[in-house]
Amino acid sequence: MTTDTCSAWDPANCTGTEGCPPRCPRFIDKRGDPVLVEPYSFSRFDDLVSMYVDYPQRHRSMGIPPATRARIEDWLERLLERGFNIVAAHGGRVIGHAAYSPCLSVEPQFVVFVDPAFHDRGIGSELCRHVIAAAADAGHEALVLDVDAANERAVHVYRRMGFETIERSGNDLRMRLSFDEPIVETVQLPPAERPT
């Protein structure tokens, strides 16, 4: 599947098939551009590292993503080895990454990053929905995340997804999404059946 296929796709009528993943990989962003959300594959490693190497310092939070190529590669290798990872691609370029880890945890840790040049287009929210759908499908009970309370954009997105603050330490928030929440079923619906 390529993004060219995605650009000709109208999500309004899609009712899905038995072979579909927990969430449709095709997404049209707020600008009308096609984005493909796909499971991470090793062929994407260099593209993913490149996205993080160029990540502006002001968008880094709580030490992630790390700031040097070597540390980025180490961080990604651990995350890729222990977790579930997806990437968002636009025009063949990796523009987003989301993951949960470790896979063996009942309540794994969640992370999501979008290339700042693609912020405010709904891509981060879509990556969140994909991870929620995949984690629920894999039998996890919840997702947890840590976020700097000053990162208002991220906190807003997480709250909209159903995450609730369960702990505060200084300016750091720990948030949790229980898979008893209605959003878990909603994110797994095919496009034509999703509420508007």
Protein backbone atom coordinates (compact mmCIF):
# COMPACT_ATOMS: atom_id res chain seq x y z
CA MET A 1 0.00 0.00 0.00
CA THR A 2 1.35 3.44 -0.87
CA THR A 3 0.29 6.94 -0.07
CA ASP A 4 -0.77 7.24 -3.73
CA THR A 5 -3.45 4.63 -3.02
CA CYS A 6 -4.40 6.59 0.07
CA SER A 7 -4.81 9.85 -1.85
CA ALA A 8 -7.59 8.33 -3.96
CA TRP A 9 -9.40 6.90 -0.96
CA ASP A 10 -12.65 8.34 0.37
CA PRO A 11 -13.04 7.26 4.01
CA ALA A 12 -16.70 8.31 4.23
CA ASN A 13 -18.06 5.03 2.86
CA CYS A 14 -15.52 2.52 4.21
CA THR A 15 -17.15 -0.15 6.38
CA GLY A 16 -14.01 -2.27 6.77
CA THR A 17 -13.43 -5.97 6.25
CA GLU A 18 -12.48 -8.91 8.46
CA GLY A 19 -8.87 -8.52 7.30
CA CYS A 20 -8.55 -4.91 8.46
CA PRO A 21 -6.17 -4.11 11.32
CA PRO A 22 -7.67 -2.75 14.58
CA ARG A 23 -7.78 0.70 12.93
CA CYS A 24 -7.71 1.69 9.26
CA PRO A 25 -4.15 2.68 8.22
CA ARG A 26 -5.38 5.34 5.80
CA PHE A 27 -5.93 8.81 7.18
CA ILE A 28 -6.72 12.16 5.58
CA ASP A 29 -5.26 14.98 7.71
CA LYS A 30 -6.88 18.36 8.42
CA ARG A 31 -5.32 19.81 5.26
CA GLY A 32 -6.75 17.01 3.11
CA ASP A 33 -3.37 15.30 2.68
CA PRO A 34 -3.12 11.50 2.79
CA VAL A 35 -1.16 9.95 5.63
CA LEU A 36 -0.45 6.26 5.97
CA VAL A 37 -0.12 4.81 9.48
CA GLU A 38 1.73 1.52 9.37
CA PRO A 39 3.51 -0.87 11.70
CA TYR A 40 7.17 0.01 12.11
CA SER A 41 9.55 -2.01 9.93
CA PHE A 42 13.35 -2.07 10.12
CA SER A 43 13.54 -0.43 6.68
CA ARG A 44 12.17 2.72 8.38
CA PHE A 45 14.89 2.94 11.07
CA ASP A 46 17.06 5.56 9.33
CA ASP A 47 14.00 7.65 8.41
CA LEU A 48 12.81 7.53 12.02
CA VAL A 49 16.23 8.49 13.38
CA SER A 50 16.34 11.40 10.90
CA MET A 51 12.98 12.68 12.12
CA TYR A 52 14.28 12.72 15.69
CA VAL A 53 17.72 14.16 14.88
CA ASP A 54 16.02 17.20 13.35
CA TYR A 55 13.50 17.50 16.21
CA PRO A 56 13.61 21.05 17.63
CA GLN A 57 14.74 21.35 21.25
CA ARG A 58 11.61 23.28 22.25
CA HIS A 59 9.49 20.26 21.32
CA ARG A 60 11.51 17.80 23.40
CA SER A 61 10.05 17.02 26.81
CA MET A 62 11.20 15.11 29.86
CA GLY A 63 14.39 14.04 28.07
CA ILE A 64 12.73 12.52 25.03
CA PRO A 65 13.39 12.28 22.29
CA PRO A 66 17.08 12.33 23.21
CA ALA A 67 19.17 15.09 21.65
CA THR A 68 22.08 13.27 19.95
CA ARG A 69 22.06 10.72 17.13
CA ALA A 70 23.76 8.04 19.27
CA ARG A 71 21.28 8.47 22.13
CA ILE A 72 18.33 8.57 19.72
CA GLU A 73 19.46 5.30 18.15
CA ASP A 74 19.90 3.63 21.57
CA TRP A 75 16.49 4.89 22.76
CA LEU A 76 14.78 3.70 19.58
CA GLU A 77 16.48 0.30 19.61
CA ARG A 78 15.23 -0.34 23.17
CA LEU A 79 11.74 0.92 22.31
CA LEU A 80 11.58 -1.11 19.10
CA GLU A 81 12.84 -4.27 20.82
CA ARG A 82 10.45 -4.15 23.77
CA GLY A 83 7.38 -2.39 22.40
CA PHE A 84 4.74 -2.01 19.73
CA ASN A 85 5.63 0.77 17.28
CA ILE A 86 3.89 2.50 14.39
CA VAL A 87 4.94 5.28 12.06
CA ALA A 88 3.01 7.85 10.06
CA ALA A 89 4.24 8.49 6.54
CA HIS A 90 3.44 11.31 4.13
CA GLY A 91 4.87 11.19 0.61
CA GLY A 92 7.07 8.28 1.69
CA ARG A 93 8.64 10.30 4.53
CA VAL A 94 8.26 9.37 8.22
CA ILE A 95 6.50 12.26 9.95
CA GLY A 96 5.27 10.61 13.13
CA HIS A 97 5.97 7.79 15.56
CA ALA A 98 3.97 6.28 18.40
CA ALA A 99 4.59 3.30 20.63
CA TYR A 100 3.76 1.47 23.80
CA SER A 101 6.26 -0.48 25.83
CA PRO A 102 6.88 -3.00 27.25
CA CYS A 103 4.56 -5.31 25.38
CA LEU A 104 4.45 -7.70 28.35
CA SER A 105 3.03 -5.08 30.73
CA VAL A 106 -0.67 -5.02 31.58
CA GLU A 107 -0.47 -1.21 31.46
CA PRO A 108 2.37 -0.27 29.09
CA GLN A 109 3.86 3.22 28.76
CA PHE A 110 2.72 5.26 25.74
CA VAL A 111 4.70 7.81 23.69
CA VAL A 112 3.83 9.78 20.56
CA PHE A 113 5.80 12.30 18.49
CA VAL A 114 4.99 14.16 15.28
CA ASP A 115 7.43 16.15 13.17
CA PRO A 116 6.68 19.77 14.21
CA ALA A 117 6.27 20.75 10.54
CA PHE A 118 3.15 18.53 10.60
CA HIS A 119 1.66 19.69 13.91
CA ASP A 120 -1.97 20.84 14.09
CA ARG A 121 -3.07 18.48 11.33
CA GLY A 122 -4.62 15.73 13.49
CA ILE A 123 -1.74 13.31 12.93
CA GLY A 124 -0.80 13.01 16.62
CA SER A 125 -4.41 12.29 17.53
CA GLU A 126 -4.63 9.68 14.80
CA LEU A 127 -1.43 8.01 16.05
CA CYS A 128 -2.95 7.99 19.56
CA ARG A 129 -6.06 6.27 18.24
CA HIS A 130 -3.96 3.63 16.47
CA VAL A 131 -1.98 2.80 19.59
CA ILE A 132 -5.15 2.66 21.70
CA ALA A 133 -6.79 0.31 19.17
CA ALA A 134 -3.73 -1.93 18.91
CA ALA A 135 -3.13 -2.09 22.68
CA ALA A 136 -6.78 -2.97 23.35
CA ASP A 137 -6.69 -5.59 20.58
CA ALA A 138 -3.56 -7.10 22.19
CA GLY A 139 -5.40 -7.50 25.51
CA HIS A 140 -3.83 -4.73 27.59
CA GLU A 141 -5.94 -3.16 30.34
CA ALA A 142 -4.78 0.44 30.03
CA LEU A 143 -2.09 2.78 28.74
CA VAL A 144 -0.10 5.19 30.91
CA LEU A 145 2.02 8.17 29.95
CA ASP A 146 4.12 10.88 31.53
CA VAL A 147 3.88 14.45 30.29
CA ASP A 148 5.10 17.88 31.34
CA ALA A 149 2.04 19.86 32.49
CA ALA A 150 3.44 22.87 30.61
CA ASN A 151 2.99 20.96 27.33
CA GLU A 152 -0.60 22.15 27.08
CA ARG A 153 -1.09 20.93 23.49
CA ALA A 154 -0.19 17.36 24.42
CA VAL A 155 -2.19 17.38 27.66
CA HIS A 156 -5.24 18.62 25.73
CA VAL A 157 -4.93 15.84 23.15
CA TYR A 158 -4.48 13.17 25.81
CA ARG A 159 -7.51 14.38 27.77
CA ARG A 160 -9.58 14.40 24.58
CA MET A 161 -8.51 10.78 24.05
CA GLY A 162 -9.81 9.88 27.52
CA PHE A 163 -6.58 9.90 29.54
CA GLU A 164 -7.00 11.07 33.13
CA THR A 165 -4.36 12.47 35.46
CA ILE A 166 -3.60 9.92 38.16
CA GLU A 167 -0.50 11.49 39.71
CA ARG A 168 1.33 14.81 39.75
CA SER A 169 4.95 15.29 40.78
CA GLY A 170 6.09 18.88 40.42
CA ASN A 171 5.29 19.79 36.84
CA ASP A 172 5.16 16.15 35.66
CA LEU A 173 1.82 14.46 35.13
CA ARG A 174 1.16 10.74 34.97
CA MET A 175 -1.96 10.03 32.92
CA ARG A 176 -3.86 6.78 32.38
CA LEU A 177 -6.43 5.55 29.88
CA SER A 178 -8.44 2.57 31.10
CA PHE A 179 -9.70 0.35 28.32
CA ASP A 180 -13.12 0.40 29.93
CA GLU A 181 -13.54 3.87 28.37
CA PRO A 182 -15.90 4.19 25.35
CA ILE A 183 -13.14 5.61 23.13
CA VAL A 184 -11.55 2.16 22.91
CA GLU A 185 -14.51 0.75 20.98
CA THR A 186 -14.89 3.92 18.92
CA VAL A 187 -11.30 3.95 17.65
CA GLN A 188 -11.74 0.42 16.32
CA LEU A 189 -14.77 1.27 14.20
CA PRO A 190 -14.35 1.52 10.42
CA PRO A 191 -14.51 5.12 9.12
CA ALA A 192 -18.14 4.97 7.96
CA GLU A 193 -19.30 3.87 11.41
CA ARG A 194 -17.36 6.42 13.49
CA PRO A 195 -19.35 9.18 15.15
CA THR A 196 -18.72 12.58 13.62
